[in-house]
Structure formats: C-alpha cells, structure tokens
C-alpha cells in the first residue's frame, strides 16, 4: 500500500471534519486502538505540547477509497536535549 495523500496543518489549523470521522471509524475497526491514537489526543498533543511545528498526517487508502492507515508526524528543528 502506498500513501494516497499528506494532510499538512500549520499551528492553530484544524483537520476537516470528514477526516476526523474517518479516523474515528478506522480506530473502531482496530482491535488494538487506544485513546492515544485518537484525533482528540493527537491534536491536543500537537496544540499544547509540540509547540509550533507543522503537523503532517500521511493517509493510506485502498482502491475503494476507504481509509486504511494514518501516520501523524510533527517536524521540529528544536534540540530535544541540552547536551
């Protein structure tokens, strides 16, 4: 399966409601989904803890257009350690 799209959000941006609904449906189909994989958690983490990086979400869909996987990523140029 190859990525079918990248969603990129600037700081303070919002995901389209349809993407959030699809994300929830994907988690409901998963036997191992956790709260930490929900849009509520990821978007709250990004907004409050990640600072100002852009959020990029890779989306994978099957041939019918059904969402099969998401990969949220945040890119930051800040150092993670002080050493």
C-alpha atoms as a PDB file:
ATOM      1  CA  UNK A   1       0.000   0.000   0.000  1.00  0.00           C
ATOM      2  CA  UNK A   2       1.332   3.445  -0.846  1.00  0.00           C
ATOM      3  CA  UNK A   3       0.420   6.821   0.671  1.00  0.00           C
ATOM      4  CA  UNK A   4      -2.542   8.425  -1.036  1.00  0.00           C
ATOM      5  CA  UNK A   5      -2.122  11.858   0.447  1.00  0.00           C
ATOM      6  CA  UNK A   6      -0.497  14.096   3.001  1.00  0.00           C
ATOM      7  CA  UNK A   7      -2.520  16.481   5.143  1.00  0.00           C
ATOM      8  CA  UNK A   8      -0.429  19.392   6.401  1.00  0.00           C
ATOM      9  CA  UNK A   9      -1.572  21.716   9.163  1.00  0.00           C
ATOM     10  CA  UNK A  10       0.034  24.944  10.302  1.00  0.00           C
ATOM     11  CA  UNK A  11      -0.016  25.837  14.003  1.00  0.00           C
ATOM     12  CA  UNK A  12      -3.600  26.530  15.007  1.00  0.00           C
ATOM     13  CA  UNK A  13      -5.014  24.738  11.951  1.00  0.00           C
ATOM     14  CA  UNK A  14      -7.890  22.287  12.029  1.00  0.00           C
ATOM     15  CA  UNK A  15      -8.488  18.962  10.342  1.00  0.00           C
ATOM     16  CA  UNK A  16     -11.531  18.684   8.101  1.00  0.00           C
ATOM     17  CA  UNK A  17     -14.449  17.084   9.965  1.00  0.00           C
ATOM     18  CA  UNK A  18     -14.645  14.267   7.391  1.00  0.00           C
ATOM     19  CA  UNK A  19     -11.036  13.258   8.125  1.00  0.00           C
ATOM     20  CA  UNK A  20     -11.745  13.167  11.865  1.00  0.00           C
ATOM     21  CA  UNK A  21     -14.800  10.959  11.253  1.00  0.00           C
ATOM     22  CA  UNK A  22     -12.775   8.587   9.056  1.00  0.00           C
ATOM     23  CA  UNK A  23     -10.020   8.480  11.675  1.00  0.00           C
ATOM     24  CA  UNK A  24     -12.570   7.517  14.376  1.00  0.00           C
ATOM     25  CA  UNK A  25     -14.034   4.821  12.112  1.00  0.00           C
ATOM     26  CA  UNK A  26     -10.541   3.437  11.464  1.00  0.00           C
ATOM     27  CA  UNK A  27      -9.923   3.196  15.227  1.00  0.00           C
ATOM     28  CA  UNK A  28     -13.280   1.489  15.788  1.00  0.00           C
ATOM     29  CA  UNK A  29     -12.259  -1.193  13.269  1.00  0.00           C
ATOM     30  CA  UNK A  30      -8.949  -1.740  15.067  1.00  0.00           C
ATOM     31  CA  UNK A  31      -8.668  -4.405  17.749  1.00  0.00           C
ATOM     32  CA  UNK A  32      -5.679  -2.659  19.325  1.00  0.00           C
ATOM     33  CA  UNK A  33      -6.618   1.024  19.060  1.00  0.00           C
ATOM     34  CA  UNK A  34      -6.021   3.167  22.146  1.00  0.00           C
ATOM     35  CA  UNK A  35      -7.030   6.642  23.275  1.00  0.00           C
ATOM     36  CA  UNK A  36      -3.509   7.820  22.403  1.00  0.00           C
ATOM     37  CA  UNK A  37      -4.269   7.136  18.727  1.00  0.00           C
ATOM     38  CA  UNK A  38      -7.442   9.216  18.608  1.00  0.00           C
ATOM     39  CA  UNK A  39      -7.677  12.556  16.842  1.00  0.00           C
ATOM     40  CA  UNK A  40      -8.607  14.138  20.201  1.00  0.00           C
ATOM     41  CA  UNK A  41      -5.329  13.037  21.770  1.00  0.00           C
ATOM     42  CA  UNK A  42      -3.026  13.650  18.790  1.00  0.00           C
ATOM     43  CA  UNK A  43      -4.447  17.084  18.009  1.00  0.00           C
ATOM     44  CA  UNK A  44      -4.385  18.119  21.687  1.00  0.00           C
ATOM     45  CA  UNK A  45      -0.779  16.931  21.996  1.00  0.00           C
ATOM     46  CA  UNK A  46       0.178  18.862  18.889  1.00  0.00           C
ATOM     47  CA  UNK A  47      -1.586  22.020  20.028  1.00  0.00           C
ATOM     48  CA  UNK A  48      -0.338  22.075  23.632  1.00  0.00           C
ATOM     49  CA  UNK A  49       2.916  20.134  23.819  1.00  0.00           C
ATOM     50  CA  UNK A  50       4.579  20.109  20.444  1.00  0.00           C
ATOM     51  CA  UNK A  51       4.969  23.862  20.144  1.00  0.00           C
ATOM     52  CA  UNK A  52       4.876  25.370  16.690  1.00  0.00           C
ATOM     53  CA  UNK A  53       5.833  22.615  14.246  1.00  0.00           C
ATOM     54  CA  UNK A  54       3.716  21.789  11.282  1.00  0.00           C
ATOM     55  CA  UNK A  55       1.682  18.627  11.659  1.00  0.00           C
ATOM     56  CA  UNK A  56       1.759  16.253   8.715  1.00  0.00           C
ATOM     57  CA  UNK A  57      -0.578  13.293   8.522  1.00  0.00           C
ATOM     58  CA  UNK A  58       0.085  10.598   5.935  1.00  0.00           C
ATOM     59  CA  UNK A  59      -3.045   8.831   4.705  1.00  0.00           C
ATOM     60  CA  UNK A  60      -3.289   5.432   3.061  1.00  0.00           C
ATOM     61  CA  UNK A  61      -6.485   4.349   1.316  1.00  0.00           C
ATOM     62  CA  UNK A  62      -7.487   1.199  -0.534  1.00  0.00           C
ATOM     63  CA  UNK A  63      -8.734   1.198  -4.125  1.00  0.00           C
ATOM     64  CA  UNK A  64     -12.287   1.842  -2.915  1.00  0.00           C
ATOM     65  CA  UNK A  65     -11.118   4.989  -1.101  1.00  0.00           C
ATOM     66  CA  UNK A  66     -11.523   3.560   2.418  1.00  0.00           C
ATOM     67  CA  UNK A  67      -9.009   4.925   4.906  1.00  0.00           C
ATOM     68  CA  UNK A  68      -6.696   2.096   5.980  1.00  0.00           C
ATOM     69  CA  UNK A  69      -3.925   3.896   7.894  1.00  0.00           C
ATOM     70  CA  UNK A  70      -2.846   7.289   9.218  1.00  0.00           C
ATOM     71  CA  UNK A  71       0.596   8.433  10.341  1.00  0.00           C
ATOM     72  CA  UNK A  72       0.679  11.749  12.234  1.00  0.00           C
ATOM     73  CA  UNK A  73       4.118  13.403  12.293  1.00  0.00           C
ATOM     74  CA  UNK A  74       5.373  16.730  13.629  1.00  0.00           C
ATOM     75  CA  UNK A  75       8.629  18.258  12.388  1.00  0.00           C
ATOM     76  CA  UNK A  76      10.603  20.450  14.734  1.00  0.00           C
ATOM     77  CA  UNK A  77      14.052  21.989  14.390  1.00  0.00           C
ATOM     78  CA  UNK A  78      14.463  22.391  18.161  1.00  0.00           C
ATOM     79  CA  UNK A  79      17.031  20.291  20.003  1.00  0.00           C
ATOM     80  CA  UNK A  80      15.493  17.582  22.148  1.00  0.00           C
ATOM     81  CA  UNK A  81      18.353  17.553  24.655  1.00  0.00           C
ATOM     82  CA  UNK A  82      20.627  20.148  26.232  1.00  0.00           C
ATOM     83  CA  UNK A  83      23.866  18.184  25.821  1.00  0.00           C
END
